[in-house]
Amino acid sequence: MSNRPIILGIVGDSAAGKTTLTRGIANILGEEEVTIICTDDYHRYDRKQRAELGISALHPDCNYLDIIEQHLGLLRRGQPILKPIYNHSTGCFDPPEYIQPQKYVIVEGLLGYSTHAARDSYDVKAYLAPPEPLRADWKIKRDTGKRGYTKEQVLDQLRKRKDDSEAFIRPQRQWADLIVTFYPPVEDPNPNDLLLNVRLTLRPTLPHPDMTQLLNPTGNHLGEAIRLNLDRDMSKPVDVLEIDGHATQEQVMELEHVLCNEVPHLGQFCSLQGNEDIGKIMGTTGEILQSYPLALTQLLITFHMLKAAEVKV
């Protein structure tokens, strides 16, 4: 078991940014070292069957949760799985895929924390919680641009899924070690994704890096662009790290060095020193841009994966 994979969970509603976050973390660690699993592949019904039954893909009854548990258990022991594949373009199932876990496994999807057995399989658990208007905008752009839907069809789907989202997806937030919330700045409620701020809620279920000296309110030379505060989440005390989209490269690098210096193996992955490919998003005209809040979010989660690798049993 000392050679077992490190498993990261990334859970959130449809179009919450799971795939963007996953790809960046895989890029940091090296794609050849990472196996990516999507729990949405474990749907019980295809798109046509769901419409006939009047059930959404967000409902637990629409997913093989027991097989997700079984496969997570196998992956945690370093054993291969035969994973189903749900084709989001056709709404049907493709032939299953034989998966041999690599050093790191990232499991993303809608219902990854919905059972106790599944939750026990992860070393690190992240939950994505963007504001609903922002998520709706992301979903419209994705589903009309990549999945062949019209805007009206996407809006109708959002309305139909609203109750299931509130009942089954959002409650999983309580099980996360980190809650990631990208949000537009108050002064510009309609910015492009490059300018989004991020709020990282850090629960004490993991030993987070010590940033208190760097962000001491009495001597914080990073300005207001990067802030560390105490808060309460679901009635429990948490640290909250906020990074604005307009933070400068100098400010970001200082915070980055705190992470890179605490875990020796992380230094080689720093986004602004030797790996400038993380934190990448596509602009409105197709150009590739770098978001510092996204880069630091990916780096912080990678930090926890490497820390977990040091202490795994």
C-alpha atoms as a PDB file:
ATOM      1  CA  MET A   1       0.000   0.000   0.000  1.00  0.00           C
ATOM      2  CA  SER A   2       2.989   2.325   0.328  1.00  0.00           C
ATOM      3  CA  ASN A   3       3.004   2.473  -3.482  1.00  0.00           C
ATOM      4  CA  ARG A   4      -0.707   3.103  -3.844  1.00  0.00           C
ATOM      5  CA  PRO A   5      -1.874   6.107  -5.895  1.00  0.00           C
ATOM      6  CA  ILE A   6      -2.738   9.443  -4.322  1.00  0.00           C
ATOM      7  CA  ILE A   7      -6.391  10.167  -5.074  1.00  0.00           C
ATOM      8  CA  LEU A   8      -7.803  13.676  -5.464  1.00  0.00           C
ATOM      9  CA  GLY A   9     -11.533  14.301  -5.630  1.00  0.00           C
ATOM     10  CA  ILE A  10     -12.980  17.307  -7.460  1.00  0.00           C
ATOM     11  CA  VAL A  11     -16.746  17.618  -7.083  1.00  0.00           C
ATOM     12  CA  GLY A  12     -19.109  20.331  -8.249  1.00  0.00           C
ATOM     13  CA  ASP A  13     -22.214  20.989 -10.271  1.00  0.00           C
ATOM     14  CA  SER A  14     -22.307  20.835 -14.054  1.00  0.00           C
ATOM     15  CA  ALA A  15     -19.971  23.431 -15.638  1.00  0.00           C
ATOM     16  CA  ALA A  16     -18.537  24.494 -12.255  1.00  0.00           C
ATOM     17  CA  GLY A  17     -14.981  24.363 -13.658  1.00  0.00           C
ATOM     18  CA  LYS A  18     -13.989  20.813 -12.678  1.00  0.00           C
ATOM     19  CA  THR A  19     -12.300  19.913 -15.960  1.00  0.00           C
ATOM     20  CA  THR A  20     -10.322  23.168 -16.158  1.00  0.00           C
ATOM     21  CA  LEU A  21      -9.006  22.641 -12.639  1.00  0.00           C
ATOM     22  CA  THR A  22      -8.263  18.962 -13.304  1.00  0.00           C
ATOM     23  CA  ARG A  23      -6.303  19.593 -16.485  1.00  0.00           C
ATOM     24  CA  GLY A  24      -4.132  22.212 -14.809  1.00  0.00           C
ATOM     25  CA  ILE A  25      -3.248  19.921 -11.900  1.00  0.00           C
ATOM     26  CA  ALA A  26      -2.475  17.073 -14.299  1.00  0.00           C
ATOM     27  CA  ASN A  27      -0.218  19.446 -16.209  1.00  0.00           C
ATOM     28  CA  ILE A  28       1.673  20.348 -13.035  1.00  0.00           C
ATOM     29  CA  LEU A  29       2.230  16.729 -12.009  1.00  0.00           C
ATOM     30  CA  GLY A  30       2.925  15.522 -15.536  1.00  0.00           C
ATOM     31  CA  GLU A  31       0.159  13.951 -17.589  1.00  0.00           C
ATOM     32  CA  GLU A  32       2.036  10.641 -17.776  1.00  0.00           C
ATOM     33  CA  GLU A  33       1.862  10.448 -13.968  1.00  0.00           C
ATOM     34  CA  VAL A  34      -1.886  11.131 -13.708  1.00  0.00           C
ATOM     35  CA  THR A  35      -5.012   9.058 -14.323  1.00  0.00           C
ATOM     36  CA  ILE A  36      -8.225  11.069 -14.692  1.00  0.00           C
ATOM     37  CA  ILE A  37     -11.585   9.468 -13.896  1.00  0.00           C
ATOM     38  CA  CYS A  38     -14.972  11.127 -14.405  1.00  0.00           C
ATOM     39  CA  THR A  39     -17.773   9.812 -12.196  1.00  0.00           C
ATOM     40  CA  ASP A  40     -20.312  11.117 -14.726  1.00  0.00           C
ATOM     41  CA  ASP A  41     -19.365   8.078 -16.826  1.00  0.00           C
ATOM     42  CA  TYR A  42     -21.240   5.964 -14.277  1.00  0.00           C
ATOM     43  CA  HIS A  43     -24.708   7.143 -15.318  1.00  0.00           C
ATOM     44  CA  ARG A  44     -27.292   4.378 -15.138  1.00  0.00           C
ATOM     45  CA  TYR A  45     -29.315   5.747 -18.059  1.00  0.00           C
ATOM     46  CA  ASP A  46     -28.420   7.419 -21.341  1.00  0.00           C
ATOM     47  CA  ARG A  47     -29.862  10.798 -22.334  1.00  0.00           C
ATOM     48  CA  LYS A  48     -32.928   9.368 -24.110  1.00  0.00           C
ATOM     49  CA  GLN A  49     -33.751   7.065 -21.184  1.00  0.00           C
ATOM     50  CA  ARG A  50     -33.424   9.930 -18.695  1.00  0.00           C
ATOM     51  CA  ALA A  51     -35.877  12.002 -20.695  1.00  0.00           C
ATOM     52  CA  GLU A  52     -38.349   9.107 -20.829  1.00  0.00           C
ATOM     53  CA  LEU A  53     -38.039   8.445 -17.095  1.00  0.00           C
ATOM     54  CA  GLY A  54     -38.077  12.109 -16.108  1.00  0.00           C
ATOM     55  CA  ILE A  55     -34.878  11.810 -14.061  1.00  0.00           C
ATOM     56  CA  SER A  56     -31.819  14.054 -14.174  1.00  0.00           C
ATOM     57  CA  ALA A  57     -28.179  12.999 -14.294  1.00  0.00           C
ATOM     58  CA  LEU A  58     -27.703  14.697 -10.913  1.00  0.00           C
ATOM     59  CA  HIS A  59     -29.994  12.270  -9.077  1.00  0.00           C
ATOM     60  CA  PRO A  60     -28.237   9.412  -7.226  1.00  0.00           C
ATOM     61  CA  ASP A  61     -30.786   6.949  -8.637  1.00  0.00           C
ATOM     62  CA  CYS A  62     -29.485   7.823 -12.092  1.00  0.00           C
ATOM     63  CA  ASN A  63     -25.957   6.698 -11.260  1.00  0.00           C
ATOM     64  CA  TYR A  64     -24.224   3.456 -10.283  1.00  0.00           C
ATOM     65  CA  LEU A  65     -22.873   4.732  -6.979  1.00  0.00           C
ATOM     66  CA  ASP A  66     -22.019   1.213  -5.825  1.00  0.00           C
ATOM     67  CA  ILE A  67     -19.749   0.685  -8.821  1.00  0.00           C
ATOM     68  CA  ILE A  68     -18.096   4.068  -8.206  1.00  0.00           C
ATOM     69  CA  GLU A  69     -17.340   2.886  -4.663  1.00  0.00           C
ATOM     70  CA  GLN A  70     -15.994  -0.416  -5.944  1.00  0.00           C
ATOM     71  CA  HIS A  71     -13.775   1.213  -8.556  1.00  0.00           C
ATOM     72  CA  LEU A  72     -12.427   3.798  -6.102  1.00  0.00           C
ATOM     73  CA  GLY A  73     -11.487   0.962  -3.770  1.00  0.00           C
ATOM     74  CA  LEU A  74      -9.649  -0.846  -6.555  1.00  0.00           C
ATOM     75  CA  LEU A  75      -7.845   2.307  -7.662  1.00  0.00           C
ATOM     76  CA  ARG A  76      -6.772   3.025  -4.094  1.00  0.00           C
ATOM     77  CA  ARG A  77      -5.142  -0.406  -3.993  1.00  0.00           C
ATOM     78  CA  GLY A  78      -3.402   0.318  -7.290  1.00  0.00           C
ATOM     79  CA  GLN A  79      -5.542  -2.153  -9.227  1.00  0.00           C
ATOM     80  CA  PRO A  80      -7.009  -1.598 -12.713  1.00  0.00           C
ATOM     81  CA  ILE A  81     -10.673  -1.017 -13.513  1.00  0.00           C
ATOM     82  CA  LEU A  82     -12.893  -1.376 -16.565  1.00  0.00           C
ATOM     83  CA  LYS A  83     -14.452   2.072 -16.604  1.00  0.00           C
ATOM     84  CA  PRO A  84     -17.675   2.912 -18.452  1.00  0.00           C
ATOM     85  CA  ILE A  85     -17.670   5.897 -20.815  1.00  0.00           C
ATOM     86  CA  TYR A  86     -20.586   8.280 -21.216  1.00  0.00           C
ATOM     87  CA  ASN A  87     -20.390  10.293 -24.432  1.00  0.00           C
ATOM     88  CA  HIS A  88     -21.628  13.826 -23.693  1.00  0.00           C
ATOM     89  CA  SER A  89     -21.857  14.632 -27.403  1.00  0.00           C
ATOM     90  CA  THR A  90     -24.173  11.745 -28.320  1.00  0.00           C
ATOM     91  CA  GLY A  91     -25.820  11.163 -24.957  1.00  0.00           C
ATOM     92  CA  CYS A  92     -25.039   7.447 -25.293  1.00  0.00           C
ATOM     93  CA  PHE A  93     -22.440   5.065 -23.858  1.00  0.00           C
ATOM     94  CA  ASP A  94     -19.212   4.196 -25.655  1.00  0.00           C
ATOM     95  CA  PRO A  95     -17.291   0.922 -25.087  1.00  0.00           C
ATOM     96  CA  PRO A  96     -15.678   0.738 -21.600  1.00  0.00           C
ATOM     97  CA  GLU A  97     -12.010   1.582 -21.116  1.00  0.00           C
ATOM     98  CA  TYR A  98      -9.360  -0.433 -19.269  1.00  0.00           C
ATOM     99  CA  ILE A  99      -7.710   1.925 -16.762  1.00  0.00           C
ATOM    100  CA  GLN A 100      -4.451   1.218 -14.949  1.00  0.00           C
ATOM    101  CA  PRO A 101      -3.944   3.850 -12.210  1.00  0.00           C
ATOM    102  CA  GLN A 102      -0.819   5.973 -12.344  1.00  0.00           C
ATOM    103  CA  LYS A 103       0.965   7.615  -9.409  1.00  0.00           C
ATOM    104  CA  TYR A 104      -1.830  10.176  -9.041  1.00  0.00           C
ATOM    105  CA  VAL A 105      -5.538   9.724  -9.706  1.00  0.00           C
ATOM    106  CA  ILE A 106      -7.942  12.645 -10.126  1.00  0.00           C
ATOM    107  CA  VAL A 107     -11.629  11.763  -9.803  1.00  0.00           C
ATOM    108  CA  GLU A 108     -13.952  14.533 -10.959  1.00  0.00           C
ATOM    109  CA  GLY A 109     -17.716  14.634 -11.301  1.00  0.00           C
ATOM    110  CA  LEU A 110     -21.116  15.358  -9.843  1.00  0.00           C
ATOM    111  CA  LEU A 111     -21.532  12.787  -7.077  1.00  0.00           C
ATOM    112  CA  GLY A 112     -18.036  11.816  -5.977  1.00  0.00           C
ATOM    113  CA  TYR A 113     -18.672  12.459  -2.254  1.00  0.00           C
ATOM    114  CA  SER A 114     -22.229  11.191  -2.073  1.00  0.00           C
ATOM    115  CA  THR A 115     -21.444   8.001  -0.102  1.00  0.00           C
ATOM    116  CA  HIS A 116     -19.287   7.323   2.939  1.00  0.00           C
ATOM    117  CA  ALA A 117     -17.292   4.580   1.193  1.00  0.00           C
ATOM    118  CA  ALA A 118     -16.470   6.879  -1.720  1.00  0.00           C
ATOM    119  CA  ARG A 119     -15.378   9.716   0.563  1.00  0.00           C
ATOM    120  CA  ASP A 120     -13.001   7.427   2.435  1.00  0.00           C
ATOM    121  CA  SER A 121     -11.114   6.702  -0.795  1.00  0.00           C
ATOM    122  CA  TYR A 122      -9.763  10.222  -1.307  1.00  0.00           C
ATOM    123  CA  ASP A 123      -6.585  11.733   0.073  1.00  0.00           C
ATOM    124  CA  VAL A 124      -7.669  15.273  -0.841  1.00  0.00           C
ATOM    125  CA  LYS A 125     -11.195  16.519  -1.497  1.00  0.00           C
ATOM    126  CA  ALA A 126     -12.007  19.779  -3.299  1.00  0.00           C
ATOM    127  CA  TYR A 127     -15.442  21.215  -4.027  1.00  0.00           C
ATOM    128  CA  LEU A 128     -16.146  23.894  -6.647  1.00  0.00           C
ATOM    129  CA  ALA A 129     -18.797  26.439  -5.709  1.00  0.00           C
ATOM    130  CA  PRO A 130     -18.982  29.344  -8.192  1.00  0.00           C
ATOM    131  CA  PRO A 131     -21.935  31.746  -7.887  1.00  0.00           C
ATOM    132  CA  GLU A 132     -24.926  30.381  -9.774  1.00  0.00           C
ATOM    133  CA  PRO A 133     -25.064  33.194 -12.390  1.00  0.00           C
ATOM    134  CA  LEU A 134     -21.411  32.554 -13.265  1.00  0.00           C
ATOM    135  CA  ARG A 135     -21.916  28.778 -13.455  1.00  0.00           C
ATOM    136  CA  ALA A 136     -24.971  29.264 -15.683  1.00  0.00           C
ATOM    137  CA  ASP A 137     -22.918  31.469 -17.999  1.00  0.00           C
ATOM    138  CA  TRP A 138     -20.144  28.846 -18.150  1.00  0.00           C
ATOM    139  CA  LYS A 139     -22.680  26.093 -18.856  1.00  0.00           C
ATOM    140  CA  ILE A 140     -24.335  28.034 -21.650  1.00  0.00           C
ATOM    141  CA  LYS A 141     -20.988  28.730 -23.304  1.00  0.00           C
ATOM    142  CA  ARG A 142     -19.820  25.121 -22.949  1.00  0.00           C
ATOM    143  CA  ASP A 143     -23.001  23.318 -23.977  1.00  0.00           C
ATOM    144  CA  THR A 144     -23.748  25.578 -26.944  1.00  0.00           C
ATOM    145  CA  GLY A 145     -20.137  25.634 -28.095  1.00  0.00           C
ATOM    146  CA  LYS A 146     -19.155  21.981 -27.549  1.00  0.00           C
ATOM    147  CA  ARG A 147     -22.281  19.870 -27.083  1.00  0.00           C
ATOM    148  CA  GLY A 148     -24.661  21.178 -29.732  1.00  0.00           C
ATOM    149  CA  TYR A 149     -27.338  22.657 -27.462  1.00  0.00           C
ATOM    150  CA  THR A 150     -29.172  25.917 -28.000  1.00  0.00           C
ATOM    151  CA  LYS A 151     -29.154  28.565 -25.281  1.00  0.00           C
ATOM    152  CA  GLU A 152     -32.848  27.935 -24.624  1.00  0.00           C
ATOM    153  CA  GLN A 153     -32.221  24.197 -24.158  1.00  0.00           C
ATOM    154  CA  VAL A 154     -29.445  24.877 -21.645  1.00  0.00           C
ATOM    155  CA  LEU A 155     -31.592  27.313 -19.662  1.00  0.00           C
ATOM    156  CA  ASP A 156     -34.428  24.782 -19.628  1.00  0.00           C
ATOM    157  CA  GLN A 157     -32.040  22.092 -18.367  1.00  0.00           C
ATOM    158  CA  LEU A 158     -30.807  24.376 -15.593  1.00  0.00           C
ATOM    159  CA  ARG A 159     -34.399  24.985 -14.476  1.00  0.00           C
ATOM    160  CA  LYS A 160     -35.251  21.282 -14.478  1.00  0.00           C
ATOM    161  CA  ARG A 161     -32.102  20.357 -12.554  1.00  0.00           C
ATOM    162  CA  LYS A 162     -32.374  23.081  -9.934  1.00  0.00           C
ATOM    163  CA  ASP A 163     -34.072  20.933  -7.271  1.00  0.00           C
ATOM    164  CA  ASP A 164     -31.686  18.007  -7.745  1.00  0.00           C
ATOM    165  CA  SER A 165     -28.720  20.351  -7.621  1.00  0.00           C
ATOM    166  CA  GLU A 166     -29.844  21.728  -4.270  1.00  0.00           C
ATOM    167  CA  ALA A 167     -30.733  18.291  -2.892  1.00  0.00           C
ATOM    168  CA  PHE A 168     -27.805  16.161  -4.068  1.00  0.00           C
ATOM    169  CA  ILE A 169     -24.871  18.209  -5.398  1.00  0.00           C
ATOM    170  CA  ARG A 170     -24.474  21.187  -3.058  1.00  0.00           C
ATOM    171  CA  PRO A 171     -24.692  19.189   0.202  1.00  0.00           C
ATOM    172  CA  GLN A 172     -21.433  17.457  -0.774  1.00  0.00           C
ATOM    173  CA  ARG A 173     -19.656  20.720   0.000  1.00  0.00           C
ATOM    174  CA  GLN A 174     -19.634  19.699   3.673  1.00  0.00           C
ATOM    175  CA  TRP A 175     -17.183  16.860   2.988  1.00  0.00           C
ATOM    176  CA  ALA A 176     -14.529  18.905   1.175  1.00  0.00           C
ATOM    177  CA  ASP A 177     -11.118  19.874   2.539  1.00  0.00           C
ATOM    178  CA  LEU A 178     -10.995  22.899   0.221  1.00  0.00           C
ATOM    179  CA  ILE A 179     -13.857  24.883  -1.264  1.00  0.00           C
ATOM    180  CA  VAL A 180     -12.971  26.786  -4.430  1.00  0.00           C
ATOM    181  CA  THR A 181     -15.124  29.761  -5.407  1.00  0.00           C
ATOM    182  CA  PHE A 182     -14.246  31.839  -8.448  1.00  0.00           C
ATOM    183  CA  TYR A 183     -16.277  35.037  -8.563  1.00  0.00           C
ATOM    184  CA  PRO A 184     -16.349  38.360 -10.423  1.00  0.00           C
ATOM    185  CA  PRO A 185     -15.075  41.466  -8.614  1.00  0.00           C
ATOM    186  CA  VAL A 186     -17.772  43.693  -7.163  1.00  0.00           C
ATOM    187  CA  GLU A 187     -16.668  46.659  -9.231  1.00  0.00           C
ATOM    188  CA  ASP A 188     -16.991  44.682 -12.486  1.00  0.00           C
ATOM    189  CA  PRO A 189     -19.778  42.076 -12.307  1.00  0.00           C
ATOM    190  CA  ASN A 190     -19.309  41.038 -15.963  1.00  0.00           C
ATOM    191  CA  PRO A 191     -15.566  40.490 -16.454  1.00  0.00           C
ATOM    192  CA  ASN A 192     -13.916  37.863 -18.605  1.00  0.00           C
ATOM    193  CA  ASP A 193     -12.667  34.727 -16.859  1.00  0.00           C
ATOM    194  CA  LEU A 194      -9.120  36.097 -16.717  1.00  0.00           C
ATOM    195  CA  LEU A 195     -10.161  38.751 -14.177  1.00  0.00           C
ATOM    196  CA  LEU A 196     -12.093  36.491 -11.799  1.00  0.00           C
ATOM    197  CA  ASN A 197     -11.108  36.459  -8.141  1.00  0.00           C
ATOM    198  CA  VAL A 198     -10.903  33.227  -6.151  1.00  0.00           C
ATOM    199  CA  ARG A 199     -11.971  32.508  -2.575  1.00  0.00           C
ATOM    200  CA  LEU A 200     -10.323  29.395  -1.131  1.00  0.00           C
ATOM    201  CA  THR A 201     -11.996  28.092   2.010  1.00  0.00           C
ATOM    202  CA  LEU A 202      -9.417  25.966   3.840  1.00  0.00           C
ATOM    203  CA  ARG A 203     -10.907  23.535   6.315  1.00  0.00           C
ATOM    204  CA  PRO A 204      -8.726  22.141   9.148  1.00  0.00           C
ATOM    205  CA  THR A 205      -9.214  18.593   7.851  1.00  0.00           C
ATOM    206  CA  LEU A 206      -5.862  19.042   6.086  1.00  0.00           C
ATOM    207  CA  PRO A 207      -2.637  20.715   7.295  1.00  0.00           C
ATOM    208  CA  HIS A 208      -2.604  23.764   5.048  1.00  0.00           C
ATOM    209  CA  PRO A 209       0.617  25.693   4.377  1.00  0.00           C
ATOM    210  CA  ASP A 210       1.535  28.354   6.899  1.00  0.00           C
ATOM    211  CA  MET A 211       0.920  31.707   5.223  1.00  0.00           C
ATOM    212  CA  THR A 212       0.407  33.767   8.375  1.00  0.00           C
ATOM    213  CA  GLN A 213       3.757  35.572   8.300  1.00  0.00           C
ATOM    214  CA  LEU A 214       3.512  36.433   4.631  1.00  0.00           C
ATOM    215  CA  LEU A 215      -0.038  37.734   5.010  1.00  0.00           C
ATOM    216  CA  ASN A 216       0.166  39.284   8.468  1.00  0.00           C
ATOM    217  CA  PRO A 217      -2.412  42.110   8.504  1.00  0.00           C
ATOM    218  CA  THR A 218      -0.032  44.350  10.474  1.00  0.00           C
ATOM    219  CA  GLY A 219       2.707  44.059   7.886  1.00  0.00           C
ATOM    220  CA  ASN A 220       1.169  42.757   4.694  1.00  0.00           C
ATOM    221  CA  HIS A 221       3.234  44.156   1.845  1.00  0.00           C
ATOM    222  CA  LEU A 222       1.180  42.260  -0.736  1.00  0.00           C
ATOM    223  CA  GLY A 223      -1.558  44.866  -0.616  1.00  0.00           C
ATOM    224  CA  GLU A 224      -5.233  44.058  -0.886  1.00  0.00           C
ATOM    225  CA  ALA A 225      -4.895  41.725  -3.862  1.00  0.00           C
ATOM    226  CA  ILE A 226      -4.066  38.690  -1.683  1.00  0.00           C
ATOM    227  CA  ARG A 227      -5.798  38.282   1.666  1.00  0.00           C
ATOM    228  CA  LEU A 228      -5.886  35.649   4.412  1.00  0.00           C
ATOM    229  CA  ASN A 229      -8.697  35.849   6.949  1.00  0.00           C
ATOM    230  CA  LEU A 230     -10.412  33.797   9.615  1.00  0.00           C
ATOM    231  CA  ASP A 231     -14.071  33.001   8.940  1.00  0.00           C
ATOM    232  CA  ARG A 232     -16.745  30.420   9.630  1.00  0.00           C
ATOM    233  CA  ASP A 233     -18.100  27.949   7.121  1.00  0.00           C
ATOM    234  CA  MET A 234     -21.109  25.810   8.025  1.00  0.00           C
ATOM    235  CA  SER A 235     -20.683  27.118  11.607  1.00  0.00           C
ATOM    236  CA  LYS A 236     -17.072  25.911  11.855  1.00  0.00           C
ATOM    237  CA  PRO A 237     -13.885  28.017  11.871  1.00  0.00           C
ATOM    238  CA  VAL A 238     -11.870  28.096   8.653  1.00  0.00           C
ATOM    239  CA  ASP A 239      -9.087  30.044   7.003  1.00  0.00           C
ATOM    240  CA  VAL A 240     -10.045  31.886   3.844  1.00  0.00           C
ATOM    241  CA  LEU A 241      -7.447  32.814   1.235  1.00  0.00           C
ATOM    242  CA  GLU A 242      -8.585  35.276  -1.423  1.00  0.00           C
ATOM    243  CA  ILE A 243      -6.629  36.152  -4.559  1.00  0.00           C
ATOM    244  CA  ASP A 244      -7.815  38.853  -6.911  1.00  0.00           C
ATOM    245  CA  GLY A 245      -7.610  38.587 -10.656  1.00  0.00           C
ATOM    246  CA  HIS A 246      -5.602  41.818 -10.806  1.00  0.00           C
ATOM    247  CA  ALA A 247      -2.849  40.546  -8.465  1.00  0.00           C
ATOM    248  CA  THR A 248       0.590  41.246  -9.915  1.00  0.00           C
ATOM    249  CA  GLN A 249       3.160  38.638 -10.887  1.00  0.00           C
ATOM    250  CA  GLU A 250       5.421  39.779  -8.041  1.00  0.00           C
ATOM    251  CA  GLN A 251       2.676  39.296  -5.455  1.00  0.00           C
ATOM    252  CA  VAL A 252       1.724  35.907  -6.832  1.00  0.00           C
ATOM    253  CA  MET A 253       5.318  34.658  -6.888  1.00  0.00           C
ATOM    254  CA  GLU A 254       5.776  35.427  -3.190  1.00  0.00           C
ATOM    255  CA  LEU A 255       2.753  33.359  -2.253  1.00  0.00           C
ATOM    256  CA  GLU A 256       3.862  30.674  -4.670  1.00  0.00           C
ATOM    257  CA  HIS A 257       7.250  30.437  -2.966  1.00  0.00           C
ATOM    258  CA  VAL A 258       5.561  29.699   0.362  1.00  0.00           C
ATOM    259  CA  LEU A 259       4.018  26.599  -1.212  1.00  0.00           C
ATOM    260  CA  CYS A 260       7.071  25.569  -3.193  1.00  0.00           C
ATOM    261  CA  ASN A 261       9.480  25.889  -0.269  1.00  0.00           C
ATOM    262  CA  GLU A 262       7.349  23.854   2.147  1.00  0.00           C
ATOM    263  CA  VAL A 263       7.212  20.767  -0.070  1.00  0.00           C
ATOM    264  CA  PRO A 264      10.620  20.035  -1.656  1.00  0.00           C
ATOM    265  CA  HIS A 265       9.176  18.229  -4.685  1.00  0.00           C
ATOM    266  CA  LEU A 266       6.782  21.088  -5.470  1.00  0.00           C
ATOM    267  CA  GLY A 267       9.508  23.557  -6.413  1.00  0.00           C
ATOM    268  CA  GLN A 268       9.916  22.030  -9.857  1.00  0.00           C
ATOM    269  CA  PHE A 269       6.213  22.588 -10.540  1.00  0.00           C
ATOM    270  CA  CYS A 270       5.949  26.301  -9.705  1.00  0.00           C
ATOM    271  CA  SER A 271       3.830  27.994 -12.327  1.00  0.00           C
ATOM    272  CA  LEU A 272       6.031  31.042 -12.757  1.00  0.00           C
ATOM    273  CA  GLN A 273       9.356  29.252 -12.415  1.00  0.00           C
ATOM    274  CA  GLY A 274       9.765  26.366 -14.802  1.00  0.00           C
ATOM    275  CA  ASN A 275       6.114  25.614 -15.520  1.00  0.00           C
ATOM    276  CA  GLU A 276       4.207  28.465 -17.102  1.00  0.00           C
ATOM    277  CA  ASP A 277       1.489  26.247 -18.538  1.00  0.00           C
ATOM    278  CA  ILE A 278      -0.809  26.080 -15.515  1.00  0.00           C
ATOM    279  CA  GLY A 279      -3.538  28.584 -14.790  1.00  0.00           C
ATOM    280  CA  LYS A 280      -4.358  28.677 -18.488  1.00  0.00           C
ATOM    281  CA  ILE A 281      -7.801  29.605 -19.785  1.00  0.00           C
ATOM    282  CA  MET A 282      -9.128  30.321 -23.259  1.00  0.00           C
ATOM    283  CA  GLY A 283     -10.111  33.909 -23.944  1.00  0.00           C
ATOM    284  CA  THR A 284     -13.271  34.978 -25.717  1.00  0.00           C
ATOM    285  CA  THR A 285     -11.482  35.121 -29.064  1.00  0.00           C
ATOM    286  CA  GLY A 286      -9.692  31.787 -28.625  1.00  0.00           C
ATOM    287  CA  GLU A 287      -6.399  33.107 -27.258  1.00  0.00           C
ATOM    288  CA  ILE A 288      -4.756  31.323 -24.329  1.00  0.00           C
ATOM    289  CA  LEU A 289      -4.382  33.482 -21.219  1.00  0.00           C
ATOM    290  CA  GLN A 290      -3.043  32.880 -17.717  1.00  0.00           C
ATOM    291  CA  SER A 291      -5.135  33.454 -14.619  1.00  0.00           C
ATOM    292  CA  TYR A 292      -3.035  33.852 -11.475  1.00  0.00           C
ATOM    293  CA  PRO A 293      -5.933  32.917  -9.138  1.00  0.00           C
ATOM    294  CA  LEU A 294      -6.448  29.703 -11.125  1.00  0.00           C
ATOM    295  CA  ALA A 295      -2.715  28.932 -11.192  1.00  0.00           C
ATOM    296  CA  LEU A 296      -2.394  29.312  -7.416  1.00  0.00           C
ATOM    297  CA  THR A 297      -5.523  27.225  -6.829  1.00  0.00           C
ATOM    298  CA  GLN A 298      -4.064  24.423  -8.924  1.00  0.00           C
ATOM    299  CA  LEU A 299      -0.730  24.744  -7.143  1.00  0.00           C
ATOM    300  CA  LEU A 300      -2.299  24.680  -3.665  1.00  0.00           C
ATOM    301  CA  ILE A 301      -4.224  21.483  -4.462  1.00  0.00           C
ATOM    302  CA  THR A 302      -1.061  19.937  -5.901  1.00  0.00           C
ATOM    303  CA  PHE A 303       0.709  20.914  -2.665  1.00  0.00           C
ATOM    304  CA  HIS A 304      -1.795  18.801  -0.721  1.00  0.00           C
ATOM    305  CA  MET A 305      -1.426  15.859  -3.096  1.00  0.00           C
ATOM    306  CA  LEU A 306       2.359  15.871  -2.630  1.00  0.00           C
ATOM    307  CA  LYS A 307       1.991  16.225   1.139  1.00  0.00           C
ATOM    308  CA  ALA A 308      -0.369  13.238   1.096  1.00  0.00           C
ATOM    309  CA  ALA A 309       2.254  11.271  -0.841  1.00  0.00           C
ATOM    310  CA  GLU A 310       4.753  11.902   1.950  1.00  0.00           C
ATOM    311  CA  VAL A 311       2.519  10.462   4.674  1.00  0.00           C
ATOM    312  CA  LYS A 312       0.426   7.834   2.869  1.00  0.00           C
ATOM    313  CA  VAL A 313      -0.038   4.448   4.524  1.00  0.00           C
END
